[in-house]
Amino acid sequence: MRLARVAQAWLARGLGASGRACRRWCEPWLGAGRRRRDRWRSPYLRLVIGRDAVRAEVVRRGAVAWAGEAPFTDPADLSAAVAELAAEPVCARAGRRTVAEWRGGHMQVRTLHDLPPVAVPALRLLVAQHVTRFFRLSPDPLLTDAIWLPRKADPAAPRRAQAVALATPWVEQLEAGALAAGLRLRRVGPAPDAADPRLEFRSPRSLARAAERARREVRVLLTVALMLPVLVGAMAMRKLDREHAALLREEARLRRPAAAVLTVRQAMRDARAMVEAVDASVPDRGRITRTLAALTSALPDSAYLTSLGFDSAGGVLTGVAPRAAEVLAALDRDDAVVDPRLEGPAVRELLGGRERERFTIRFGAP
């Protein structure tokens, strides 16, 4: 709740009028939550300080469960009286939440009129600077606080302020006695029936401790704000590592089935290529037969073929004849093949005691 109030104060200070509106909107919720929590939380200790006696009350669920009283005469006696009352066993647990309320006696309460319409911090500073004007003189420095009172039914009525003052040694000795007794003072201020309960007495030491506590809370908030992205990034990297490990395990599990599927696909592609090759060779069967018949009829005597091949550009034939030029002329004359031409020079050989020429002829596709 305290961190929520610090964030709320920052928001009000940083955003100006919008922040103050947000703070006014949040205040009922925070106050209602505090009231509901105070009803059911552990008991707290209330110190009611009068003119010459301090009364300690253990309050549980709005009712006084235990009460004790101790007299005092000066600030040092007040510190000893608080320590004496806090030593009671019933106060050990309740002392974790202690509220000190001043009722009359050493406290001065004033209702101020005709003050300039300034904000509450400026009003407190104004009262502190003119303390001798508003309060009785005291040999010790006075701790003051002031707040604007709510207006009456008439909005045009002049605003009134309420101010309180108390000698500094009383508050300092009260805080010292509470600290020595192990009590945690949550509030030191006037009793609700003596002045506005929003007023408080804050000694310089308590203000310094509050400032240090606020700085510590700010450091905690900044540390959390700085560490949050690092934590989120670390969690994201951890999750990525787990997902990567899961993917690697899944890949290892699917590697053998994937290899089998790839093998089947390769076999299917090979079979499809074979079928396509067979289908493509069906129209060429008649062409090969016709070409071979034309070559047989066109070849001159004493000439024969040793090989015949076909490709996409046409084909190549090799053979042996007395003269290669006669074979080329016969093929061209009878149109046995398209565009026949010698591929390289003819090679003379001696076959069966006779001289022959080995030739290679390339022809085009029909």
Protein backbone atom coordinates (compact mmCIF):
# COMPACT_ATOMS: atom_id res chain seq x y z
CA MET A 1 0.00 0.00 0.00
CA ARG A 2 2.84 2.40 0.78
CA LEU A 3 4.43 1.74 -2.62
CA ALA A 4 1.04 2.37 -4.22
CA ARG A 5 0.82 5.72 -2.43
CA VAL A 6 4.36 6.65 -3.51
CA ALA A 7 3.50 5.85 -7.13
CA GLN A 8 0.26 7.81 -6.74
CA ALA A 9 2.17 10.85 -5.43
CA TRP A 10 4.68 10.66 -8.30
CA LEU A 11 1.83 10.48 -10.79
CA ALA A 12 0.14 13.52 -9.25
CA ARG A 13 3.40 15.49 -9.25
CA GLY A 14 4.46 14.53 -12.76
CA LEU A 15 1.15 14.93 -14.59
CA GLY A 16 -0.05 18.13 -12.96
CA ALA A 17 -3.81 18.62 -12.97
CA SER A 18 -4.45 15.24 -14.59
CA GLY A 19 -2.29 13.52 -11.98
CA ARG A 20 -4.12 15.29 -9.15
CA ALA A 21 -7.44 14.18 -10.61
CA CYS A 22 -6.13 10.62 -10.78
CA ARG A 23 -5.00 10.88 -7.17
CA ARG A 24 -8.43 12.10 -6.08
CA TRP A 25 -9.98 9.24 -7.99
CA CYS A 26 -7.67 6.67 -6.35
CA GLU A 27 -7.94 8.05 -2.82
CA PRO A 28 -11.38 6.54 -1.98
CA TRP A 29 -10.23 3.13 -3.15
CA LEU A 30 -7.01 3.28 -1.16
CA GLY A 31 -8.82 4.61 1.91
CA ALA A 32 -11.56 2.00 1.67
CA GLY A 33 -8.97 -0.76 1.32
CA ARG A 34 -7.11 0.56 4.35
CA ARG A 35 -10.30 0.69 6.42
CA ARG A 36 -11.27 -2.85 5.46
CA ARG A 37 -7.76 -4.06 6.23
CA ASP A 38 -7.60 -2.25 9.57
CA ARG A 39 -10.80 -3.95 10.61
CA TRP A 40 -9.41 -7.44 10.29
CA ARG A 41 -5.67 -6.95 10.79
CA SER A 42 -3.77 -7.55 14.00
CA PRO A 43 -4.40 -5.13 16.90
CA TYR A 44 -2.52 -1.86 17.17
CA LEU A 45 -1.31 0.28 20.06
CA ARG A 46 -2.70 3.76 20.59
CA LEU A 47 -0.88 6.23 22.84
CA VAL A 48 -3.13 9.06 24.08
CA ILE A 49 -0.98 11.80 25.62
CA GLY A 50 -2.60 14.30 27.91
CA ARG A 51 -1.26 17.08 30.13
CA ASP A 52 0.46 14.89 32.73
CA ALA A 53 -0.28 11.26 31.80
CA VAL A 54 0.02 8.97 28.83
CA ARG A 55 -2.58 6.29 28.25
CA ALA A 56 -1.79 3.16 26.22
CA GLU A 57 -4.68 1.32 24.57
CA VAL A 58 -4.56 -1.93 22.61
CA VAL A 59 -7.27 -1.63 19.96
CA ARG A 60 -8.60 -4.79 18.35
CA ARG A 61 -11.32 -4.53 15.69
CA GLY A 62 -12.27 -1.04 16.74
CA ALA A 63 -12.64 -1.83 20.45
CA VAL A 64 -10.19 -1.24 23.31
CA ALA A 65 -8.97 -4.64 24.49
CA TRP A 66 -6.44 -3.41 27.07
CA ALA A 67 -5.53 -0.04 28.59
CA GLY A 68 -2.79 1.22 30.85
CA GLU A 69 -1.68 4.64 32.08
CA ALA A 70 1.57 6.18 33.31
CA PRO A 71 2.25 9.73 34.56
CA PHE A 72 4.99 12.08 33.36
CA THR A 73 6.18 15.59 34.11
CA ASP A 74 8.67 16.47 31.37
CA PRO A 75 9.78 15.09 27.99
CA ALA A 76 12.31 12.70 29.58
CA ASP A 77 9.59 11.26 31.86
CA LEU A 78 7.38 10.86 28.78
CA SER A 79 10.03 8.69 27.11
CA ALA A 80 10.34 6.54 30.26
CA ALA A 81 6.54 6.26 30.60
CA VAL A 82 6.21 5.07 27.00
CA ALA A 83 8.94 2.46 27.54
CA GLU A 84 7.22 1.30 30.76
CA LEU A 85 3.85 0.85 29.05
CA ALA A 86 5.42 -0.85 26.02
CA ALA A 87 7.06 -3.42 28.30
CA GLU A 88 3.64 -4.99 29.00
CA PRO A 89 3.31 -8.42 27.28
CA VAL A 90 0.01 -7.48 25.66
CA CYS A 91 1.75 -4.60 23.86
CA ALA A 92 4.46 -6.75 22.28
CA ARG A 93 2.46 -7.64 19.17
CA ALA A 94 0.32 -4.52 19.04
CA GLY A 95 3.42 -2.32 19.15
CA ARG A 96 4.18 -3.15 15.55
CA ARG A 97 1.55 -0.55 14.65
CA THR A 98 1.58 2.38 17.05
CA VAL A 99 -0.37 5.63 16.80
CA ALA A 100 0.40 8.57 19.15
CA GLU A 101 -2.37 11.14 19.72
CA TRP A 102 -2.02 14.40 21.65
CA ARG A 103 -5.05 15.65 23.51
CA GLY A 104 -4.81 19.20 24.95
CA GLY A 105 -2.14 20.20 27.42
CA HIS A 106 1.12 20.93 25.65
CA MET A 107 -0.42 21.14 22.16
CA GLN A 108 -1.72 24.41 20.71
CA VAL A 109 -4.61 24.38 18.22
CA ARG A 110 -5.60 27.42 16.16
CA THR A 111 -8.24 28.15 13.56
CA LEU A 112 -6.86 30.70 11.09
CA HIS A 113 -8.81 33.12 8.91
CA ASP A 114 -7.99 35.55 6.14
CA LEU A 115 -5.03 33.57 4.79
CA PRO A 116 -3.96 33.73 1.16
CA PRO A 117 -5.40 30.89 -0.97
CA VAL A 118 -2.28 28.80 -1.36
CA ALA A 119 -1.67 25.07 -1.62
CA VAL A 120 -1.30 22.95 1.50
CA PRO A 121 2.54 22.76 1.34
CA ALA A 122 2.72 26.55 1.02
CA LEU A 123 0.21 26.89 3.86
CA ARG A 124 2.39 24.73 6.13
CA LEU A 125 5.46 26.77 5.22
CA LEU A 126 3.56 30.01 5.91
CA VAL A 127 2.50 28.85 9.38
CA ALA A 128 6.01 27.62 10.19
CA GLN A 129 7.56 30.94 9.19
CA HIS A 130 5.04 33.00 11.22
CA VAL A 131 4.88 30.69 14.23
CA THR A 132 5.23 33.57 16.69
CA ARG A 133 2.22 35.27 15.13
CA PHE A 134 -0.15 32.34 15.42
CA PHE A 135 1.00 30.53 18.61
CA ARG A 136 2.17 31.31 22.12
CA LEU A 137 5.88 31.77 22.61
CA SER A 138 7.84 28.76 23.83
CA PRO A 139 11.46 28.41 24.98
CA ASP A 140 11.81 25.39 22.66
CA PRO A 141 11.29 25.32 18.88
CA LEU A 142 7.75 24.48 17.81
CA LEU A 143 6.74 21.79 15.34
CA THR A 144 3.77 23.00 13.33
CA ASP A 145 1.35 21.64 10.80
CA ALA A 146 -1.60 23.21 9.00
CA ILE A 147 -4.37 22.16 6.66
CA TRP A 148 -7.36 23.73 5.01
CA LEU A 149 -10.71 22.94 6.60
CA PRO A 150 -13.58 21.89 4.37
CA ARG A 151 -15.89 24.69 3.35
CA LYS A 152 -19.40 24.90 4.67
CA ALA A 153 -22.53 24.69 2.59
CA ASP A 154 -21.81 28.13 1.14
CA PRO A 155 -19.03 27.78 -1.48
CA ALA A 156 -18.46 31.54 -1.37
CA ALA A 157 -17.55 31.48 2.33
CA PRO A 158 -13.92 32.36 3.13
CA ARG A 159 -11.63 29.43 3.60
CA ARG A 160 -10.45 28.54 7.07
CA ALA A 161 -7.31 26.71 8.06
CA GLN A 162 -6.48 24.74 11.19
CA ALA A 163 -2.96 24.75 12.59
CA VAL A 164 -1.36 22.92 15.50
CA ALA A 165 1.94 23.41 17.29
CA LEU A 166 3.93 21.37 19.79
CA ALA A 167 7.36 21.83 21.34
CA THR A 168 10.04 19.81 19.57
CA PRO A 169 11.41 18.02 22.72
CA TRP A 170 8.06 16.36 23.37
CA VAL A 171 7.94 14.77 19.92
CA GLU A 172 11.63 13.86 19.92
CA GLN A 173 11.43 12.20 23.35
CA LEU A 174 8.26 10.37 22.33
CA GLU A 175 9.96 9.02 19.20
CA ALA A 176 13.10 8.11 21.17
CA GLY A 177 11.07 6.23 23.81
CA ALA A 178 9.10 4.39 21.13
CA LEU A 179 12.27 3.48 19.28
CA ALA A 180 13.94 2.22 22.46
CA ALA A 181 10.86 0.15 23.34
CA GLY A 182 10.69 -1.39 19.85
CA LEU A 183 7.48 0.39 18.83
CA ARG A 184 6.82 1.42 15.25
CA LEU A 185 5.20 4.85 15.17
CA ARG A 186 2.89 5.17 12.22
CA ARG A 187 1.49 8.59 13.13
CA VAL A 188 2.12 11.33 15.69
CA GLY A 189 -0.58 13.96 15.67
CA PRO A 190 -3.56 15.46 17.47
CA ALA A 191 -6.43 13.29 18.64
CA PRO A 192 -9.48 13.28 16.34
CA ASP A 193 -11.56 15.08 18.98
CA ALA A 194 -8.90 17.79 19.42
CA ALA A 195 -8.05 18.72 15.83
CA ASP A 196 -8.23 17.46 12.28
CA PRO A 197 -6.78 13.90 12.20
CA ARG A 198 -4.88 14.73 8.99
CA LEU A 199 -2.51 16.93 10.96
CA GLU A 200 0.78 15.41 12.10
CA PHE A 201 3.89 16.33 14.07
CA ARG A 202 7.09 15.36 12.28
CA SER A 203 10.41 15.96 13.98
CA PRO A 204 13.53 16.59 11.88
CA ARG A 205 14.74 13.09 12.72
CA SER A 206 11.51 11.46 11.63
CA LEU A 207 11.50 13.57 8.48
CA ALA A 208 15.05 12.40 7.73
CA ARG A 209 14.06 8.78 8.37
CA ALA A 210 11.00 9.19 6.16
CA ALA A 211 13.12 10.73 3.42
CA GLU A 212 15.60 7.87 3.67
CA ARG A 213 12.77 5.37 3.60
CA ALA A 214 11.31 7.08 0.53
CA ARG A 215 14.72 7.01 -1.17
CA ARG A 216 15.04 3.34 -0.33
CA GLU A 217 11.64 2.65 -1.80
CA VAL A 218 12.58 4.62 -4.90
CA ARG A 219 15.76 2.56 -5.22
CA VAL A 220 13.74 -0.61 -4.86
CA LEU A 221 11.29 0.56 -7.51
CA LEU A 222 14.11 1.55 -9.87
CA THR A 223 15.87 -1.76 -9.27
CA VAL A 224 12.68 -3.66 -10.02
CA ALA A 225 12.06 -1.51 -13.10
CA LEU A 226 15.60 -2.13 -14.35
CA MET A 227 15.65 -5.82 -13.52
CA LEU A 228 12.23 -6.54 -14.99
CA PRO A 229 13.36 -6.35 -18.65
CA VAL A 230 16.41 -8.46 -17.79
CA LEU A 231 14.21 -11.01 -16.05
CA VAL A 232 11.74 -11.07 -18.93
CA GLY A 233 14.61 -11.44 -21.41
CA ALA A 234 16.13 -14.26 -19.39
CA MET A 235 12.78 -16.03 -19.22
CA ALA A 236 12.31 -15.56 -22.96
CA MET A 237 15.79 -16.95 -23.67
CA ARG A 238 15.09 -19.87 -21.35
CA LYS A 239 11.88 -20.59 -23.18
CA LEU A 240 13.65 -20.30 -26.55
CA ASP A 241 16.29 -22.77 -25.38
CA ARG A 242 13.62 -25.23 -24.30
CA GLU A 243 11.78 -24.85 -27.60
CA HIS A 244 15.04 -25.28 -29.53
CA ALA A 245 15.86 -28.43 -27.59
CA ALA A 246 12.35 -29.76 -28.25
CA LEU A 247 12.76 -29.04 -31.98
CA LEU A 248 16.09 -30.85 -32.03
CA ARG A 249 14.54 -33.86 -30.34
CA GLU A 250 11.67 -33.82 -32.80
CA GLU A 251 14.10 -33.55 -35.70
CA ALA A 252 16.10 -36.52 -34.43
CA ARG A 253 12.90 -38.51 -34.03
CA LEU A 254 11.72 -37.72 -37.57
CA ARG A 255 15.09 -38.11 -39.29
CA ARG A 256 14.70 -41.84 -40.14
CA PRO A 257 11.07 -41.55 -41.35
CA ALA A 258 12.06 -38.51 -43.42
CA ALA A 259 14.96 -40.43 -44.98
CA ALA A 260 12.61 -43.27 -45.86
CA VAL A 261 10.14 -40.86 -47.44
CA LEU A 262 12.95 -39.22 -49.44
CA THR A 263 14.11 -42.63 -50.65
CA VAL A 264 10.60 -43.52 -51.79
CA ARG A 265 10.28 -40.17 -53.54
CA GLN A 266 13.59 -40.71 -55.36
CA ALA A 267 12.49 -44.18 -56.46
CA MET A 268 9.19 -42.70 -57.70
CA ARG A 269 11.06 -40.02 -59.67
CA ASP A 270 13.33 -42.65 -61.23
CA ALA A 271 10.35 -44.77 -62.19
CA ARG A 272 8.58 -41.75 -63.65
CA ALA A 273 11.69 -40.89 -65.68
CA MET A 274 11.85 -44.45 -66.99
CA VAL A 275 8.19 -44.40 -67.98
CA GLU A 276 8.60 -41.01 -69.67
CA ALA A 277 11.65 -42.29 -71.53
CA VAL A 278 9.74 -45.35 -72.72
CA ASP A 279 6.79 -43.19 -73.79
CA ALA A 280 9.14 -40.83 -75.62
CA SER A 281 10.85 -43.70 -77.43
CA VAL A 282 7.60 -45.13 -78.86
CA PRO A 283 7.32 -42.57 -81.73
CA ASP A 284 11.03 -43.10 -82.59
CA ARG A 285 10.70 -46.80 -83.20
CA GLY A 286 9.21 -46.36 -86.67
CA ARG A 287 11.69 -43.60 -87.51
CA ILE A 288 14.64 -45.85 -86.62
CA THR A 289 13.30 -48.64 -88.81
CA ARG A 290 12.64 -46.33 -91.73
CA THR A 291 16.03 -44.66 -91.42
CA LEU A 292 17.78 -48.03 -91.27
CA ALA A 293 15.89 -49.22 -94.40
CA ALA A 294 16.73 -46.03 -96.30
CA LEU A 295 20.38 -46.32 -95.34
CA THR A 296 20.51 -49.96 -96.44
CA SER A 297 19.08 -49.18 -99.83
CA ALA A 298 21.20 -46.08 -100.33
CA LEU A 299 24.57 -47.56 -99.41
CA PRO A 300 26.73 -48.48 -102.42
CA ASP A 301 28.18 -51.92 -102.91
CA SER A 302 31.09 -52.96 -100.69
CA ALA A 303 29.98 -50.38 -98.06
CA TYR A 304 28.56 -51.36 -94.70
CA LEU A 305 27.69 -49.69 -91.39
CA THR A 306 29.40 -50.46 -88.10
CA SER A 307 27.21 -48.29 -85.82
CA LEU A 308 24.12 -46.10 -85.91
CA GLY A 309 23.01 -43.74 -83.17
CA PHE A 310 20.32 -41.14 -82.71
CA ASP A 311 20.22 -38.02 -80.54
CA SER A 312 18.25 -34.81 -80.26
CA ALA A 313 20.23 -33.18 -83.11
CA GLY A 314 19.67 -36.12 -85.46
CA GLY A 315 22.16 -39.00 -85.43
CA VAL A 316 25.62 -40.34 -86.20
CA LEU A 317 26.58 -43.35 -88.31
CA THR A 318 29.94 -44.95 -88.83
CA GLY A 319 30.97 -47.45 -91.43
CA VAL A 320 33.53 -48.73 -93.90
CA ALA A 321 33.54 -48.24 -97.70
CA PRO A 322 36.05 -48.10 -100.56
CA ARG A 323 35.44 -44.38 -100.80
CA ALA A 324 33.69 -42.35 -98.07
CA ALA A 325 32.75 -39.60 -100.54
CA GLU A 326 30.67 -42.07 -102.57
CA VAL A 327 28.69 -43.03 -99.44
CA LEU A 328 28.06 -39.37 -98.64
CA ALA A 329 26.93 -38.66 -102.21
CA ALA A 330 24.61 -41.70 -102.25
CA LEU A 331 22.96 -40.71 -98.96
CA ASP A 332 22.46 -37.16 -100.17
CA ARG A 333 21.12 -38.28 -103.56
CA ASP A 334 18.59 -40.78 -102.19
CA ASP A 335 17.51 -38.56 -99.24
CA ALA A 336 18.12 -41.44 -96.89
CA VAL A 337 18.97 -38.96 -94.10
CA VAL A 338 18.68 -35.20 -93.68
CA ASP A 339 21.74 -33.01 -94.32
CA PRO A 340 24.47 -35.69 -94.18
CA ARG A 341 28.04 -34.46 -93.66
CA LEU A 342 31.38 -36.03 -92.88
CA GLU A 343 32.53 -35.57 -89.33
CA GLY A 344 36.28 -35.47 -89.53
CA PRO A 345 38.52 -36.98 -92.22
CA ALA A 346 38.13 -40.53 -93.38
CA VAL A 347 40.71 -43.00 -92.11
CA ARG A 348 42.24 -45.47 -94.57
CA GLU A 349 42.57 -49.05 -93.36
CA LEU A 350 43.57 -52.37 -94.89
CA LEU A 351 40.78 -54.88 -94.33
CA GLY A 352 40.87 -58.39 -95.88
CA GLY A 353 43.74 -57.43 -98.13
CA ARG A 354 41.82 -54.50 -99.54
CA GLU A 355 42.11 -50.81 -98.80
CA ARG A 356 39.04 -49.29 -97.21
CA GLU A 357 38.07 -45.93 -95.64
CA ARG A 358 36.47 -45.73 -92.21
CA PHE A 359 34.11 -42.74 -92.04
CA THR A 360 31.77 -40.96 -89.62
CA ILE A 361 28.75 -39.15 -90.98
CA ARG A 362 26.43 -36.91 -88.93
CA PHE A 363 22.93 -36.17 -90.14
CA GLY A 364 20.14 -33.92 -88.94
CA ALA A 365 16.78 -34.67 -87.42
CA PRO A 366 13.91 -35.17 -89.85
